[in-house]
Amino acid sequence: MIPGMIPPRVRRKVFISYLRADKSHVENFVNYWGLQQKVFIPQIVGACGSEVINSQNAQYVIGKIRQEQIAD
């Protein structure tokens, strides 16, 4: 690194699980910290369409999210 140069901030993927009743709070949080402040990379795990993980097994769903969405 060049002396005196500020290294770029590392942005992480963040997984947020929430209840529907808290949706507006989560949207505000993601908008501010993810989009405005660029602290993390917002990424949506599909709630509809082909991205839906069609299982009631919590461990399977968590594993699929880790593998397909946040592994890197």
C-alpha atoms as a PDB file:
ATOM      1  CA  MET A   1       0.000   0.000   0.000  1.00  0.00           C
ATOM      2  CA  ILE A   2       1.125   3.541  -0.694  1.00  0.00           C
ATOM      3  CA  PRO A   3       2.070   5.458   2.501  1.00  0.00           C
ATOM      4  CA  GLY A   4      -0.644   7.909   3.567  1.00  0.00           C
ATOM      5  CA  MET A   5      -3.285   6.169   1.442  1.00  0.00           C
ATOM      6  CA  ILE A   6      -6.454   5.146   3.269  1.00  0.00           C
ATOM      7  CA  PRO A   7      -7.403   1.536   2.500  1.00  0.00           C
ATOM      8  CA  PRO A   8     -10.924   0.966   1.145  1.00  0.00           C
ATOM      9  CA  ARG A   9     -13.546  -0.185   3.639  1.00  0.00           C
ATOM     10  CA  VAL A  10     -14.426  -3.829   3.402  1.00  0.00           C
ATOM     11  CA  ARG A  11     -18.144  -4.268   2.860  1.00  0.00           C
ATOM     12  CA  ARG A  12     -19.667  -7.463   4.184  1.00  0.00           C
ATOM     13  CA  LYS A  13     -22.807  -9.327   3.284  1.00  0.00           C
ATOM     14  CA  VAL A  14     -25.230  -9.275   6.194  1.00  0.00           C
ATOM     15  CA  PHE A  15     -28.073 -11.707   6.814  1.00  0.00           C
ATOM     16  CA  ILE A  16     -31.069 -10.227   8.622  1.00  0.00           C
ATOM     17  CA  SER A  17     -33.972 -12.382   9.678  1.00  0.00           C
ATOM     18  CA  TYR A  18     -37.063 -10.492  10.784  1.00  0.00           C
ATOM     19  CA  LEU A  19     -40.782 -10.688  11.402  1.00  0.00           C
ATOM     20  CA  ARG A  20     -43.140  -9.085   8.890  1.00  0.00           C
ATOM     21  CA  ALA A  21     -44.303  -6.673  11.581  1.00  0.00           C
ATOM     22  CA  ASP A  22     -40.766  -5.237  11.658  1.00  0.00           C
ATOM     23  CA  LYS A  23     -40.465  -4.785   7.886  1.00  0.00           C
ATOM     24  CA  SER A  24     -40.464  -0.964   7.917  1.00  0.00           C
ATOM     25  CA  HIS A  25     -37.721  -0.890  10.582  1.00  0.00           C
ATOM     26  CA  VAL A  26     -35.632  -3.334   8.568  1.00  0.00           C
ATOM     27  CA  GLU A  27     -36.116  -1.328   5.374  1.00  0.00           C
ATOM     28  CA  ASN A  28     -34.973   1.830   7.180  1.00  0.00           C
ATOM     29  CA  PHE A  29     -31.939  -0.002   8.574  1.00  0.00           C
ATOM     30  CA  VAL A  30     -30.956  -1.431   5.181  1.00  0.00           C
ATOM     31  CA  ASN A  31     -31.538   1.888   3.435  1.00  0.00           C
ATOM     32  CA  TYR A  32     -29.352   3.812   5.870  1.00  0.00           C
ATOM     33  CA  TRP A  33     -26.524   1.349   6.641  1.00  0.00           C
ATOM     34  CA  GLY A  34     -26.521  -0.602   3.379  1.00  0.00           C
ATOM     35  CA  LEU A  35     -27.342   1.939   0.696  1.00  0.00           C
ATOM     36  CA  GLN A  36     -26.412   5.330   2.161  1.00  0.00           C
ATOM     37  CA  GLN A  37     -23.470   4.541   4.468  1.00  0.00           C
ATOM     38  CA  LYS A  38     -22.343   1.518   2.399  1.00  0.00           C
ATOM     39  CA  VAL A  39     -21.360  -0.456   5.508  1.00  0.00           C
ATOM     40  CA  PHE A  40     -22.687  -3.731   4.097  1.00  0.00           C
ATOM     41  CA  ILE A  41     -23.905  -5.151   0.813  1.00  0.00           C
ATOM     42  CA  PRO A  42     -27.686  -5.593   0.886  1.00  0.00           C
ATOM     43  CA  GLN A  43     -28.817  -8.787  -0.779  1.00  0.00           C
ATOM     44  CA  ILE A  44     -32.320 -10.211  -0.708  1.00  0.00           C
ATOM     45  CA  VAL A  45     -33.001 -13.905  -0.314  1.00  0.00           C
ATOM     46  CA  GLY A  46     -36.034 -14.517  -2.472  1.00  0.00           C
ATOM     47  CA  ALA A  47     -39.442 -14.471  -0.896  1.00  0.00           C
ATOM     48  CA  CYS A  48     -41.049 -15.512  -4.169  1.00  0.00           C
ATOM     49  CA  GLY A  49     -40.124 -16.946  -7.542  1.00  0.00           C
ATOM     50  CA  SER A  50     -37.356 -19.423  -8.256  1.00  0.00           C
ATOM     51  CA  GLU A  51     -35.186 -18.315  -5.308  1.00  0.00           C
ATOM     52  CA  VAL A  52     -37.618 -19.599  -2.669  1.00  0.00           C
ATOM     53  CA  ILE A  53     -36.206 -22.414  -0.567  1.00  0.00           C
ATOM     54  CA  ASN A  54     -39.187 -24.712  -0.398  1.00  0.00           C
ATOM     55  CA  SER A  55     -38.628 -26.488   2.921  1.00  0.00           C
ATOM     56  CA  GLN A  56     -39.912 -26.415   6.478  1.00  0.00           C
ATOM     57  CA  ASN A  57     -36.584 -27.799   7.760  1.00  0.00           C
ATOM     58  CA  ALA A  58     -34.825 -24.847   9.409  1.00  0.00           C
ATOM     59  CA  GLN A  59     -31.355 -26.433   9.264  1.00  0.00           C
ATOM     60  CA  TYR A  60     -31.739 -27.161   5.549  1.00  0.00           C
ATOM     61  CA  VAL A  61     -32.900 -23.601   4.835  1.00  0.00           C
ATOM     62  CA  ILE A  62     -30.031 -22.112   6.854  1.00  0.00           C
ATOM     63  CA  GLY A  63     -27.556 -24.338   5.025  1.00  0.00           C
ATOM     64  CA  LYS A  64     -28.912 -23.336   1.611  1.00  0.00           C
ATOM     65  CA  ILE A  65     -28.762 -19.635   2.494  1.00  0.00           C
ATOM     66  CA  ARG A  66     -25.156 -19.995   3.692  1.00  0.00           C
ATOM     67  CA  GLN A  67     -24.164 -21.981   0.621  1.00  0.00           C
ATOM     68  CA  GLU A  68     -25.959 -19.972  -2.063  1.00  0.00           C
ATOM     69  CA  GLN A  69     -26.226 -16.451  -0.674  1.00  0.00           C
ATOM     70  CA  ILE A  70     -23.508 -15.615   1.848  1.00  0.00           C
ATOM     71  CA  ALA A  71     -20.747 -18.216   1.391  1.00  0.00           C
ATOM     72  CA  ASP A  72     -18.328 -15.818  -0.243  1.00  0.00           C
END
